[in-house]
Amino acid sequence: MNGDRSLNAPFFFLLAFLLSSCAAIMKTQPQDTALPTQTPPAKTTKPANQTNPSPQLNPTPTSTLLPTPSPTPETSSTTLYAVVGVSDDDVLNIREGPGAENEITATIPPHSTDIQTTGEGVDVDGSKWVPIEYLGEKGWVNAYFLAEQVGKVDPELFEKSNQVLQALKEKDFRTLSDFVHPEKCLCFSPYPTLHPEDLVFCPAQIKTLAADQTKYEWGQFDGTGKPINMTFSEYYERFIYDVDFAHADLVGFNEVIGTGNAINNIQEYFPQAVFIEYHFPEFDPQYAGMDWRSIRLVFEKQNQEWYLVCVVHGEWTI
């Protein structure tokens, strides 16, 4: 047994020395050595049932500016008015106070637009007077000669349209004929929807229509479908100037105001035309606006001149 211990001692001494040397070598190995770079796996489509990971909040860069939106064009909320019912050789008086007995402080030319009211109107002797401002002038005018503007105004066309309307009111068909398109002539439509069978008259015919006793068929009555068989004078009283359009409550510049079931197809028949609508929204409140009336004067330009091509009557249709 003693011999065995003496023979194994060197072996155990050598084994201990080798183990301690390995430990020393491991302690001196660097700890921040990077592992070999691996190629990332190719991207794959996420399975439909895979749950999205919780979103990570990234800090917002303080110096990044959001795009500035394009500015919206400013629109005025102020209601503007146009002069109606004043002939070419007359003016609309601005007075110091409400009522015709007040002193005239300024005047407004016929066919003027962009008049602003500055307060509530008052009734004086059966007429409504409103405070206005026009080109820096302030005062009171008779509201009978003002119509609310709807749409963008063409001053030249508005003047001509008022002249046409005045000729219609006065039954001055010789003057009216001067405004009629020399080639397309003038059509008449009893309702807002134009039809191929609408009657057309040229300038020479317009001059004598008032005396013409011929019964023409102007279309069909809305609701019944019966033919509208009338002379021009009869048609005029029913489907042209059945109310005083020269003093309408609203005037639309290529804007439809009066609406019912009938379709406005002016642009279909006259693609290059524009129209001015003179409109009364109602006459008797018990009908809740179903008794509205309009007249639309349709114009086309030829050689830089506006000409009348159609007169369209408007009313509620079934």
C-alpha atoms as a PDB file:
ATOM      1  CA  MET A   1       0.000   0.000   0.000  1.00  0.00           C
ATOM      2  CA  ASN A   2       2.856   2.451   0.780  1.00  0.00           C
ATOM      3  CA  GLY A   3       4.435   1.566  -2.569  1.00  0.00           C
ATOM      4  CA  ASP A   4       1.186   2.399  -4.372  1.00  0.00           C
ATOM      5  CA  ARG A   5       0.975   5.889  -2.822  1.00  0.00           C
ATOM      6  CA  SER A   6       4.567   6.671  -3.792  1.00  0.00           C
ATOM      7  CA  LEU A   7       4.016   5.640  -7.407  1.00  0.00           C
ATOM      8  CA  ASN A   8       0.783   7.701  -7.870  1.00  0.00           C
ATOM      9  CA  ALA A   9       2.008  10.914  -6.256  1.00  0.00           C
ATOM     10  CA  PRO A  10       3.870  12.216  -9.310  1.00  0.00           C
ATOM     11  CA  PHE A  11       0.889  11.462 -11.506  1.00  0.00           C
ATOM     12  CA  PHE A  12      -1.487  13.389  -9.298  1.00  0.00           C
ATOM     13  CA  PHE A  13       1.006  16.239  -9.059  1.00  0.00           C
ATOM     14  CA  LEU A  14       1.211  16.416 -12.860  1.00  0.00           C
ATOM     15  CA  LEU A  15      -2.602  16.333 -13.214  1.00  0.00           C
ATOM     16  CA  ALA A  16      -3.031  19.192 -10.749  1.00  0.00           C
ATOM     17  CA  PHE A  17      -0.460  21.261 -12.615  1.00  0.00           C
ATOM     18  CA  LEU A  18      -2.227  20.800 -15.943  1.00  0.00           C
ATOM     19  CA  LEU A  19      -5.658  21.776 -14.534  1.00  0.00           C
ATOM     20  CA  SER A  20      -4.336  24.960 -12.962  1.00  0.00           C
ATOM     21  CA  SER A  21      -2.689  25.988 -16.271  1.00  0.00           C
ATOM     22  CA  CYS A  22      -5.973  25.615 -18.217  1.00  0.00           C
ATOM     23  CA  ALA A  23      -7.808  27.768 -15.707  1.00  0.00           C
ATOM     24  CA  ALA A  24      -5.220  30.519 -16.027  1.00  0.00           C
ATOM     25  CA  ILE A  25      -5.492  30.487 -19.836  1.00  0.00           C
ATOM     26  CA  MET A  26      -9.333  30.791 -19.689  1.00  0.00           C
ATOM     27  CA  LYS A  27      -9.155  33.842 -17.394  1.00  0.00           C
ATOM     28  CA  THR A  28      -7.032  35.791 -19.900  1.00  0.00           C
ATOM     29  CA  GLN A  29      -9.506  35.307 -22.870  1.00  0.00           C
ATOM     30  CA  PRO A  30     -11.107  38.759 -23.908  1.00  0.00           C
ATOM     31  CA  GLN A  31     -14.854  39.098 -22.945  1.00  0.00           C
ATOM     32  CA  ASP A  32     -16.017  41.633 -25.643  1.00  0.00           C
ATOM     33  CA  THR A  33     -14.998  39.689 -28.721  1.00  0.00           C
ATOM     34  CA  ALA A  34     -17.857  39.841 -31.269  1.00  0.00           C
ATOM     35  CA  LEU A  35     -19.370  36.682 -32.480  1.00  0.00           C
ATOM     36  CA  PRO A  36     -19.187  35.998 -36.202  1.00  0.00           C
ATOM     37  CA  THR A  37     -21.824  38.034 -38.116  1.00  0.00           C
ATOM     38  CA  GLN A  38     -24.720  35.918 -39.304  1.00  0.00           C
ATOM     39  CA  THR A  39     -26.724  36.603 -42.491  1.00  0.00           C
ATOM     40  CA  PRO A  40     -30.257  37.698 -41.479  1.00  0.00           C
ATOM     41  CA  PRO A  41     -33.052  35.407 -42.540  1.00  0.00           C
ATOM     42  CA  ALA A  42     -35.150  36.411 -45.515  1.00  0.00           C
ATOM     43  CA  LYS A  43     -38.397  38.300 -44.720  1.00  0.00           C
ATOM     44  CA  THR A  44     -41.509  36.212 -44.781  1.00  0.00           C
ATOM     45  CA  THR A  45     -45.161  37.154 -44.805  1.00  0.00           C
ATOM     46  CA  LYS A  46     -46.608  37.226 -41.338  1.00  0.00           C
ATOM     47  CA  PRO A  47     -49.217  34.520 -40.755  1.00  0.00           C
ATOM     48  CA  ALA A  48     -52.749  35.925 -40.560  1.00  0.00           C
ATOM     49  CA  ASN A  49     -53.208  34.698 -37.009  1.00  0.00           C
ATOM     50  CA  GLN A  50     -49.955  36.128 -35.698  1.00  0.00           C
ATOM     51  CA  THR A  51     -50.396  38.785 -33.039  1.00  0.00           C
ATOM     52  CA  ASN A  52     -48.741  42.136 -33.672  1.00  0.00           C
ATOM     53  CA  PRO A  53     -46.045  42.990 -31.133  1.00  0.00           C
ATOM     54  CA  SER A  54     -46.684  45.850 -28.781  1.00  0.00           C
ATOM     55  CA  PRO A  55     -45.905  49.148 -30.524  1.00  0.00           C
ATOM     56  CA  GLN A  56     -42.653  50.844 -29.599  1.00  0.00           C
ATOM     57  CA  LEU A  57     -42.813  54.578 -28.903  1.00  0.00           C
ATOM     58  CA  ASN A  58     -40.141  56.436 -30.797  1.00  0.00           C
ATOM     59  CA  PRO A  59     -39.124  59.924 -29.679  1.00  0.00           C
ATOM     60  CA  THR A  60     -40.633  62.684 -31.866  1.00  0.00           C
ATOM     61  CA  PRO A  61     -37.959  64.837 -33.523  1.00  0.00           C
ATOM     62  CA  THR A  62     -38.492  68.330 -32.182  1.00  0.00           C
ATOM     63  CA  SER A  63     -37.064  70.033 -35.290  1.00  0.00           C
ATOM     64  CA  THR A  64     -39.333  68.335 -37.889  1.00  0.00           C
ATOM     65  CA  LEU A  65     -42.181  70.535 -39.238  1.00  0.00           C
ATOM     66  CA  LEU A  66     -45.405  69.091 -40.612  1.00  0.00           C
ATOM     67  CA  PRO A  67     -46.330  70.178 -44.157  1.00  0.00           C
ATOM     68  CA  THR A  68     -48.302  73.418 -44.194  1.00  0.00           C
ATOM     69  CA  PRO A  69     -51.720  72.893 -45.817  1.00  0.00           C
ATOM     70  CA  SER A  70     -52.630  75.059 -48.780  1.00  0.00           C
ATOM     71  CA  PRO A  71     -54.575  78.120 -47.652  1.00  0.00           C
ATOM     72  CA  THR A  72     -58.320  77.953 -48.175  1.00  0.00           C
ATOM     73  CA  PRO A  73     -59.642  80.862 -50.227  1.00  0.00           C
ATOM     74  CA  GLU A  74     -61.468  83.303 -48.012  1.00  0.00           C
ATOM     75  CA  THR A  75     -65.184  83.534 -48.587  1.00  0.00           C
ATOM     76  CA  SER A  76     -67.282  86.393 -47.371  1.00  0.00           C
ATOM     77  CA  SER A  77     -70.282  85.573 -45.221  1.00  0.00           C
ATOM     78  CA  THR A  78     -71.761  88.985 -46.044  1.00  0.00           C
ATOM     79  CA  THR A  79     -74.871  88.894 -48.221  1.00  0.00           C
ATOM     80  CA  LEU A  80     -74.583  91.228 -51.179  1.00  0.00           C
ATOM     81  CA  TYR A  81     -77.353  92.801 -53.235  1.00  0.00           C
ATOM     82  CA  ALA A  82     -77.836  94.024 -56.808  1.00  0.00           C
ATOM     83  CA  VAL A  83     -79.979  96.857 -58.145  1.00  0.00           C
ATOM     84  CA  VAL A  84     -83.055  95.661 -60.039  1.00  0.00           C
ATOM     85  CA  GLY A  85     -86.019  97.413 -61.607  1.00  0.00           C
ATOM     86  CA  VAL A  86     -84.189 100.681 -62.295  1.00  0.00           C
ATOM     87  CA  SER A  87     -84.119 101.774 -65.944  1.00  0.00           C
ATOM     88  CA  ASP A  88     -80.984 102.864 -67.777  1.00  0.00           C
ATOM     89  CA  ASP A  89     -81.814 106.565 -67.467  1.00  0.00           C
ATOM     90  CA  ASP A  90     -82.535 106.480 -63.739  1.00  0.00           C
ATOM     91  CA  VAL A  91     -80.698 105.919 -60.432  1.00  0.00           C
ATOM     92  CA  LEU A  92     -81.403 104.440 -57.012  1.00  0.00           C
ATOM     93  CA  ASN A  93     -81.379 107.148 -54.349  1.00  0.00           C
ATOM     94  CA  ILE A  94     -79.518 106.777 -51.065  1.00  0.00           C
ATOM     95  CA  ARG A  95     -81.330 108.780 -48.410  1.00  0.00           C
ATOM     96  CA  GLU A  96     -80.332 110.088 -45.023  1.00  0.00           C
ATOM     97  CA  GLY A  97     -83.028 108.050 -43.290  1.00  0.00           C
ATOM     98  CA  PRO A  98     -85.743 105.502 -44.096  1.00  0.00           C
ATOM     99  CA  GLY A  99     -88.514 106.986 -46.206  1.00  0.00           C
ATOM    100  CA  ALA A 100     -88.834 109.087 -49.365  1.00  0.00           C
ATOM    101  CA  GLU A 101     -89.178 112.308 -47.347  1.00  0.00           C
ATOM    102  CA  ASN A 102     -85.526 112.119 -46.236  1.00  0.00           C
ATOM    103  CA  GLU A 103     -82.773 114.011 -48.009  1.00  0.00           C
ATOM    104  CA  ILE A 104     -80.880 112.300 -50.862  1.00  0.00           C
ATOM    105  CA  THR A 105     -77.202 111.972 -49.924  1.00  0.00           C
ATOM    106  CA  ALA A 106     -75.942 109.899 -52.883  1.00  0.00           C
ATOM    107  CA  THR A 107     -77.154 107.760 -55.788  1.00  0.00           C
ATOM    108  CA  ILE A 108     -76.455 104.263 -57.101  1.00  0.00           C
ATOM    109  CA  PRO A 109     -76.343 103.632 -60.884  1.00  0.00           C
ATOM    110  CA  PRO A 110     -78.743 101.107 -62.423  1.00  0.00           C
ATOM    111  CA  HIS A 111     -77.531  97.487 -62.663  1.00  0.00           C
ATOM    112  CA  SER A 112     -75.027  98.032 -59.819  1.00  0.00           C
ATOM    113  CA  THR A 113     -73.941  95.070 -57.689  1.00  0.00           C
ATOM    114  CA  ASP A 114     -72.129  94.256 -54.438  1.00  0.00           C
ATOM    115  CA  ILE A 115     -74.278  96.460 -52.223  1.00  0.00           C
ATOM    116  CA  GLN A 116     -74.052  95.547 -48.549  1.00  0.00           C
ATOM    117  CA  THR A 117     -76.824  95.957 -46.011  1.00  0.00           C
ATOM    118  CA  THR A 118     -75.674  97.178 -42.614  1.00  0.00           C
ATOM    119  CA  GLY A 119     -78.702  96.484 -40.425  1.00  0.00           C
ATOM    120  CA  GLU A 120     -82.351  95.522 -40.204  1.00  0.00           C
ATOM    121  CA  GLY A 121     -84.904  97.107 -42.490  1.00  0.00           C
ATOM    122  CA  VAL A 122     -87.952  99.098 -41.387  1.00  0.00           C
ATOM    123  CA  ASP A 123     -91.383  99.540 -42.951  1.00  0.00           C
ATOM    124  CA  VAL A 124     -92.310 103.080 -43.937  1.00  0.00           C
ATOM    125  CA  ASP A 125     -95.653 103.797 -45.629  1.00  0.00           C
ATOM    126  CA  GLY A 126     -95.944 100.253 -46.928  1.00  0.00           C
ATOM    127  CA  SER A 127     -92.370 100.064 -48.269  1.00  0.00           C
ATOM    128  CA  LYS A 128     -89.384  98.372 -46.703  1.00  0.00           C
ATOM    129  CA  TRP A 129     -86.252 100.482 -46.313  1.00  0.00           C
ATOM    130  CA  VAL A 130     -82.836  99.065 -45.496  1.00  0.00           C
ATOM    131  CA  PRO A 131     -79.555 100.663 -44.367  1.00  0.00           C
ATOM    132  CA  ILE A 132     -76.779 100.032 -46.902  1.00  0.00           C
ATOM    133  CA  GLU A 133     -73.187 100.774 -47.747  1.00  0.00           C
ATOM    134  CA  TYR A 134     -71.990 101.154 -51.326  1.00  0.00           C
ATOM    135  CA  LEU A 135     -68.535 102.368 -52.364  1.00  0.00           C
ATOM    136  CA  GLY A 136     -68.093 104.113 -49.045  1.00  0.00           C
ATOM    137  CA  GLU A 137     -71.512 105.779 -49.110  1.00  0.00           C
ATOM    138  CA  LYS A 138     -73.941 104.931 -46.327  1.00  0.00           C
ATOM    139  CA  GLY A 139     -77.646 105.580 -46.019  1.00  0.00           C
ATOM    140  CA  TRP A 140     -81.069 104.084 -46.663  1.00  0.00           C
ATOM    141  CA  VAL A 141     -82.617 102.705 -49.873  1.00  0.00           C
ATOM    142  CA  ASN A 142     -85.955 101.224 -50.839  1.00  0.00           C
ATOM    143  CA  ALA A 143     -85.544  97.429 -50.709  1.00  0.00           C
ATOM    144  CA  TYR A 144     -87.993  97.115 -53.609  1.00  0.00           C
ATOM    145  CA  PHE A 145     -85.046  97.897 -55.886  1.00  0.00           C
ATOM    146  CA  LEU A 146     -82.628  95.355 -54.410  1.00  0.00           C
ATOM    147  CA  ALA A 147     -82.236  91.633 -55.078  1.00  0.00           C
ATOM    148  CA  GLU A 148     -79.952  89.271 -53.203  1.00  0.00           C
ATOM    149  CA  GLN A 149     -77.029  88.105 -55.347  1.00  0.00           C
ATOM    150  CA  VAL A 150     -76.408  84.382 -55.849  1.00  0.00           C
ATOM    151  CA  GLY A 151     -73.235  83.433 -57.709  1.00  0.00           C
ATOM    152  CA  LYS A 152     -70.451  85.379 -59.362  1.00  0.00           C
ATOM    153  CA  VAL A 153     -71.529  88.528 -61.142  1.00  0.00           C
ATOM    154  CA  ASP A 154     -70.675  89.489 -64.725  1.00  0.00           C
ATOM    155  CA  PRO A 155     -71.493  93.235 -64.728  1.00  0.00           C
ATOM    156  CA  GLU A 156     -71.783  93.516 -68.520  1.00  0.00           C
ATOM    157  CA  LEU A 157     -74.137  90.550 -68.769  1.00  0.00           C
ATOM    158  CA  PHE A 158     -76.185  91.692 -65.780  1.00  0.00           C
ATOM    159  CA  GLU A 159     -76.774  95.070 -67.399  1.00  0.00           C
ATOM    160  CA  LYS A 160     -77.916  93.448 -70.634  1.00  0.00           C
ATOM    161  CA  SER A 161     -80.102  90.974 -68.759  1.00  0.00           C
ATOM    162  CA  ASN A 162     -81.836  93.782 -66.874  1.00  0.00           C
ATOM    163  CA  GLN A 163     -82.455  95.574 -70.168  1.00  0.00           C
ATOM    164  CA  VAL A 164     -84.011  92.435 -71.626  1.00  0.00           C
ATOM    165  CA  LEU A 165     -86.185  91.981 -68.543  1.00  0.00           C
ATOM    166  CA  GLN A 166     -87.315  95.608 -68.706  1.00  0.00           C
ATOM    167  CA  ALA A 167     -88.281  95.160 -72.370  1.00  0.00           C
ATOM    168  CA  LEU A 168     -90.284  92.064 -71.443  1.00  0.00           C
ATOM    169  CA  LYS A 169     -92.019  93.894 -68.617  1.00  0.00           C
ATOM    170  CA  GLU A 170     -92.978  96.787 -70.878  1.00  0.00           C
ATOM    171  CA  LYS A 171     -93.927  94.434 -73.746  1.00  0.00           C
ATOM    172  CA  ASP A 172     -91.450  96.282 -75.909  1.00  0.00           C
ATOM    173  CA  PHE A 173     -90.813  93.482 -78.357  1.00  0.00           C
ATOM    174  CA  ARG A 174     -89.070  95.677 -80.914  1.00  0.00           C
ATOM    175  CA  THR A 175     -86.397  96.462 -78.350  1.00  0.00           C
ATOM    176  CA  LEU A 176     -86.367  92.825 -77.270  1.00  0.00           C
ATOM    177  CA  SER A 177     -85.663  91.718 -80.843  1.00  0.00           C
ATOM    178  CA  ASP A 178     -82.393  93.688 -80.808  1.00  0.00           C
ATOM    179  CA  PHE A 179     -81.083  91.396 -78.045  1.00  0.00           C
ATOM    180  CA  VAL A 180     -82.060  88.126 -79.774  1.00  0.00           C
ATOM    181  CA  HIS A 181     -79.310  85.909 -81.224  1.00  0.00           C
ATOM    182  CA  PRO A 182     -79.155  86.625 -84.991  1.00  0.00           C
ATOM    183  CA  GLU A 183     -78.555  82.967 -85.926  1.00  0.00           C
ATOM    184  CA  LYS A 184     -79.944  80.775 -83.126  1.00  0.00           C
ATOM    185  CA  CYS A 185     -82.943  83.079 -82.636  1.00  0.00           C
ATOM    186  CA  LEU A 186     -84.999  82.811 -79.400  1.00  0.00           C
ATOM    187  CA  CYS A 187     -86.671  79.786 -77.846  1.00  0.00           C
ATOM    188  CA  PHE A 188     -89.355  79.759 -75.146  1.00  0.00           C
ATOM    189  CA  SER A 189     -89.752  77.027 -72.535  1.00  0.00           C
ATOM    190  CA  PRO A 190     -92.748  77.013 -70.151  1.00  0.00           C
ATOM    191  CA  TYR A 191     -90.896  74.884 -67.572  1.00  0.00           C
ATOM    192  CA  PRO A 192     -87.271  74.468 -66.447  1.00  0.00           C
ATOM    193  CA  THR A 193     -86.674  71.429 -68.701  1.00  0.00           C
ATOM    194  CA  LEU A 194     -86.015  72.305 -72.331  1.00  0.00           C
ATOM    195  CA  HIS A 195     -87.383  70.063 -75.112  1.00  0.00           C
ATOM    196  CA  PRO A 196     -86.636  69.761 -78.846  1.00  0.00           C
ATOM    197  CA  GLU A 197     -90.187  70.874 -79.632  1.00  0.00           C
ATOM    198  CA  ASP A 198     -89.866  74.200 -77.801  1.00  0.00           C
ATOM    199  CA  LEU A 199     -90.863  77.011 -80.138  1.00  0.00           C
ATOM    200  CA  VAL A 200     -88.190  79.264 -81.635  1.00  0.00           C
ATOM    201  CA  PHE A 201     -88.707  82.743 -83.104  1.00  0.00           C
ATOM    202  CA  CYS A 202     -86.196  84.891 -84.961  1.00  0.00           C
ATOM    203  CA  PRO A 203     -85.756  88.664 -84.431  1.00  0.00           C
ATOM    204  CA  ALA A 204     -88.099  89.730 -87.234  1.00  0.00           C
ATOM    205  CA  GLN A 205     -90.872  87.502 -85.814  1.00  0.00           C
ATOM    206  CA  ILE A 206     -90.307  88.747 -82.250  1.00  0.00           C
ATOM    207  CA  LYS A 207     -91.211  92.290 -83.296  1.00  0.00           C
ATOM    208  CA  THR A 208     -94.766  91.287 -84.298  1.00  0.00           C
ATOM    209  CA  LEU A 209     -95.516  88.476 -81.839  1.00  0.00           C
ATOM    210  CA  ALA A 210     -97.715  90.653 -79.600  1.00  0.00           C
ATOM    211  CA  ALA A 211    -100.183  91.149 -82.465  1.00  0.00           C
ATOM    212  CA  ASP A 212     -99.998  87.545 -83.644  1.00  0.00           C
ATOM    213  CA  GLN A 213    -103.291  85.748 -82.960  1.00  0.00           C
ATOM    214  CA  THR A 214    -102.027  82.338 -84.005  1.00  0.00           C
ATOM    215  CA  LYS A 215    -102.573  79.537 -81.495  1.00  0.00           C
ATOM    216  CA  TYR A 216     -99.229  77.855 -81.026  1.00  0.00           C
ATOM    217  CA  GLU A 217     -98.528  74.659 -79.123  1.00  0.00           C
ATOM    218  CA  TRP A 218     -95.875  75.614 -76.550  1.00  0.00           C
ATOM    219  CA  GLY A 219     -95.516  72.230 -74.928  1.00  0.00           C
ATOM    220  CA  GLN A 220     -97.595  70.383 -72.352  1.00  0.00           C
ATOM    221  CA  PHE A 221     -99.034  71.430 -69.016  1.00  0.00           C
ATOM    222  CA  ASP A 222     -97.209  69.862 -66.123  1.00  0.00           C
ATOM    223  CA  GLY A 223     -99.351  67.327 -64.273  1.00  0.00           C
ATOM    224  CA  THR A 224    -102.088  66.923 -66.895  1.00  0.00           C
ATOM    225  CA  GLY A 225     -99.993  66.524 -70.021  1.00  0.00           C
ATOM    226  CA  LYS A 226    -102.514  68.573 -72.006  1.00  0.00           C
ATOM    227  CA  PRO A 227    -101.090  70.677 -74.810  1.00  0.00           C
ATOM    228  CA  ILE A 228    -100.419  74.354 -74.104  1.00  0.00           C
ATOM    229  CA  ASN A 229    -102.339  75.899 -77.018  1.00  0.00           C
ATOM    230  CA  MET A 230    -102.091  79.682 -76.670  1.00  0.00           C
ATOM    231  CA  THR A 231    -101.405  82.839 -78.583  1.00  0.00           C
ATOM    232  CA  PHE A 232     -98.152  84.539 -77.743  1.00  0.00           C
ATOM    233  CA  SER A 233     -99.992  87.140 -75.656  1.00  0.00           C
ATOM    234  CA  GLU A 234    -101.690  84.391 -73.651  1.00  0.00           C
ATOM    235  CA  TYR A 235     -98.415  82.532 -73.230  1.00  0.00           C
ATOM    236  CA  TYR A 236     -96.739  85.766 -72.140  1.00  0.00           C
ATOM    237  CA  GLU A 237     -99.239  86.270 -69.310  1.00  0.00           C
ATOM    238  CA  ARG A 238     -98.935  82.681 -68.073  1.00  0.00           C
ATOM    239  CA  PHE A 239     -95.377  81.579 -68.807  1.00  0.00           C
ATOM    240  CA  ILE A 240     -93.197  84.654 -69.302  1.00  0.00           C
ATOM    241  CA  TYR A 241     -94.111  87.613 -67.116  1.00  0.00           C
ATOM    242  CA  ASP A 242     -96.683  86.100 -64.759  1.00  0.00           C
ATOM    243  CA  VAL A 243     -95.139  87.986 -61.794  1.00  0.00           C
ATOM    244  CA  ASP A 244     -93.045  91.169 -61.592  1.00  0.00           C
ATOM    245  CA  PHE A 245     -89.627  89.616 -62.193  1.00  0.00           C
ATOM    246  CA  ALA A 246     -88.016  93.052 -62.602  1.00  0.00           C
ATOM    247  CA  HIS A 247     -88.248  93.349 -58.801  1.00  0.00           C
ATOM    248  CA  ALA A 248     -87.307  89.785 -57.894  1.00  0.00           C
ATOM    249  CA  ASP A 249     -86.119  88.877 -54.390  1.00  0.00           C
ATOM    250  CA  LEU A 250     -83.045  87.013 -55.645  1.00  0.00           C
ATOM    251  CA  VAL A 251     -80.959  87.089 -58.787  1.00  0.00           C
ATOM    252  CA  GLY A 252     -78.728  84.136 -59.683  1.00  0.00           C
ATOM    253  CA  PHE A 253     -75.725  84.441 -61.961  1.00  0.00           C
ATOM    254  CA  ASN A 254     -75.503  81.080 -63.740  1.00  0.00           C
ATOM    255  CA  GLU A 255     -76.801  79.520 -60.510  1.00  0.00           C
ATOM    256  CA  VAL A 256     -80.052  77.570 -60.245  1.00  0.00           C
ATOM    257  CA  ILE A 257     -82.199  78.959 -57.439  1.00  0.00           C
ATOM    258  CA  GLY A 258     -85.707  77.651 -58.034  1.00  0.00           C
ATOM    259  CA  THR A 259     -85.840  73.861 -57.874  1.00  0.00           C
ATOM    260  CA  GLY A 260     -88.590  71.290 -58.189  1.00  0.00           C
ATOM    261  CA  ASN A 261     -88.904  67.950 -59.929  1.00  0.00           C
ATOM    262  CA  ALA A 262     -88.082  69.375 -63.359  1.00  0.00           C
ATOM    263  CA  ILE A 263     -84.467  69.089 -64.510  1.00  0.00           C
ATOM    264  CA  ASN A 264     -82.543  72.169 -65.555  1.00  0.00           C
ATOM    265  CA  ASN A 265     -80.872  71.091 -68.815  1.00  0.00           C
ATOM    266  CA  ILE A 266     -79.880  74.483 -70.224  1.00  0.00           C
ATOM    267  CA  GLN A 267     -76.238  73.452 -70.547  1.00  0.00           C
ATOM    268  CA  GLU A 268     -77.240  70.400 -72.575  1.00  0.00           C
ATOM    269  CA  TYR A 269     -79.000  72.495 -75.207  1.00  0.00           C
ATOM    270  CA  PHE A 270     -76.689  75.510 -75.002  1.00  0.00           C
ATOM    271  CA  PRO A 271     -73.226  74.301 -73.909  1.00  0.00           C
ATOM    272  CA  GLN A 272     -71.653  77.749 -74.369  1.00  0.00           C
ATOM    273  CA  ALA A 273     -74.443  79.657 -72.651  1.00  0.00           C
ATOM    274  CA  VAL A 274     -74.838  81.316 -69.271  1.00  0.00           C
ATOM    275  CA  PHE A 275     -78.089  82.354 -67.663  1.00  0.00           C
ATOM    276  CA  ILE A 276     -79.375  84.849 -65.146  1.00  0.00           C
ATOM    277  CA  GLU A 277     -82.291  83.798 -62.967  1.00  0.00           C
ATOM    278  CA  TYR A 278     -84.743  86.219 -61.349  1.00  0.00           C
ATOM    279  CA  HIS A 279     -86.485  84.432 -58.520  1.00  0.00           C
ATOM    280  CA  PHE A 280     -89.259  84.769 -55.963  1.00  0.00           C
ATOM    281  CA  PRO A 281     -88.982  82.063 -53.262  1.00  0.00           C
ATOM    282  CA  GLU A 282     -92.639  82.314 -52.250  1.00  0.00           C
ATOM    283  CA  PHE A 283     -95.735  84.502 -52.260  1.00  0.00           C
ATOM    284  CA  ASP A 284     -98.057  82.844 -49.766  1.00  0.00           C
ATOM    285  CA  PRO A 285     -96.467  81.233 -46.654  1.00  0.00           C
ATOM    286  CA  GLN A 286     -99.217  78.619 -46.471  1.00  0.00           C
ATOM    287  CA  TYR A 287     -97.700  76.898 -49.528  1.00  0.00           C
ATOM    288  CA  ALA A 288     -94.284  76.585 -47.865  1.00  0.00           C
ATOM    289  CA  GLY A 289     -92.380  77.773 -50.919  1.00  0.00           C
ATOM    290  CA  MET A 290     -94.188  75.605 -53.458  1.00  0.00           C
ATOM    291  CA  ASP A 291     -95.507  78.743 -55.167  1.00  0.00           C
ATOM    292  CA  TRP A 292     -92.029  79.979 -56.172  1.00  0.00           C
ATOM    293  CA  ARG A 293     -91.485  81.576 -59.562  1.00  0.00           C
ATOM    294  CA  SER A 294     -88.427  82.163 -61.743  1.00  0.00           C
ATOM    295  CA  ILE A 295     -87.481  83.428 -65.144  1.00  0.00           C
ATOM    296  CA  ARG A 296     -84.132  82.409 -66.626  1.00  0.00           C
ATOM    297  CA  LEU A 297     -82.692  84.514 -69.408  1.00  0.00           C
ATOM    298  CA  VAL A 298     -80.146  82.461 -71.360  1.00  0.00           C
ATOM    299  CA  PHE A 299     -77.340  84.202 -73.244  1.00  0.00           C
ATOM    300  CA  GLU A 300     -74.576  83.194 -75.627  1.00  0.00           C
ATOM    301  CA  LYS A 301     -71.697  85.277 -76.896  1.00  0.00           C
ATOM    302  CA  GLN A 302     -71.052  85.893 -80.558  1.00  0.00           C
ATOM    303  CA  ASN A 303     -68.334  88.274 -81.744  1.00  0.00           C
ATOM    304  CA  GLN A 304     -67.811  89.417 -78.148  1.00  0.00           C
ATOM    305  CA  GLU A 305     -71.493  90.362 -77.843  1.00  0.00           C
ATOM    306  CA  TRP A 306     -74.053  88.748 -75.546  1.00  0.00           C
ATOM    307  CA  TYR A 307     -77.272  87.601 -77.263  1.00  0.00           C
ATOM    308  CA  LEU A 308     -80.472  86.162 -75.824  1.00  0.00           C
ATOM    309  CA  VAL A 309     -81.128  82.573 -76.971  1.00  0.00           C
ATOM    310  CA  CYS A 310     -83.870  81.330 -74.619  1.00  0.00           C
ATOM    311  CA  VAL A 311     -86.446  82.467 -72.075  1.00  0.00           C
ATOM    312  CA  VAL A 312     -87.148  79.733 -69.527  1.00  0.00           C
ATOM    313  CA  HIS A 313     -90.045  79.986 -67.091  1.00  0.00           C
ATOM    314  CA  GLY A 314     -89.706  78.269 -63.727  1.00  0.00           C
ATOM    315  CA  GLU A 315     -92.248  77.086 -61.193  1.00  0.00           C
ATOM    316  CA  TRP A 316     -92.908  74.074 -58.993  1.00  0.00           C
ATOM    317  CA  THR A 317     -93.539  70.969 -61.102  1.00  0.00           C
ATOM    318  CA  ILE A 318     -95.084  67.639 -60.128  1.00  0.00           C
END
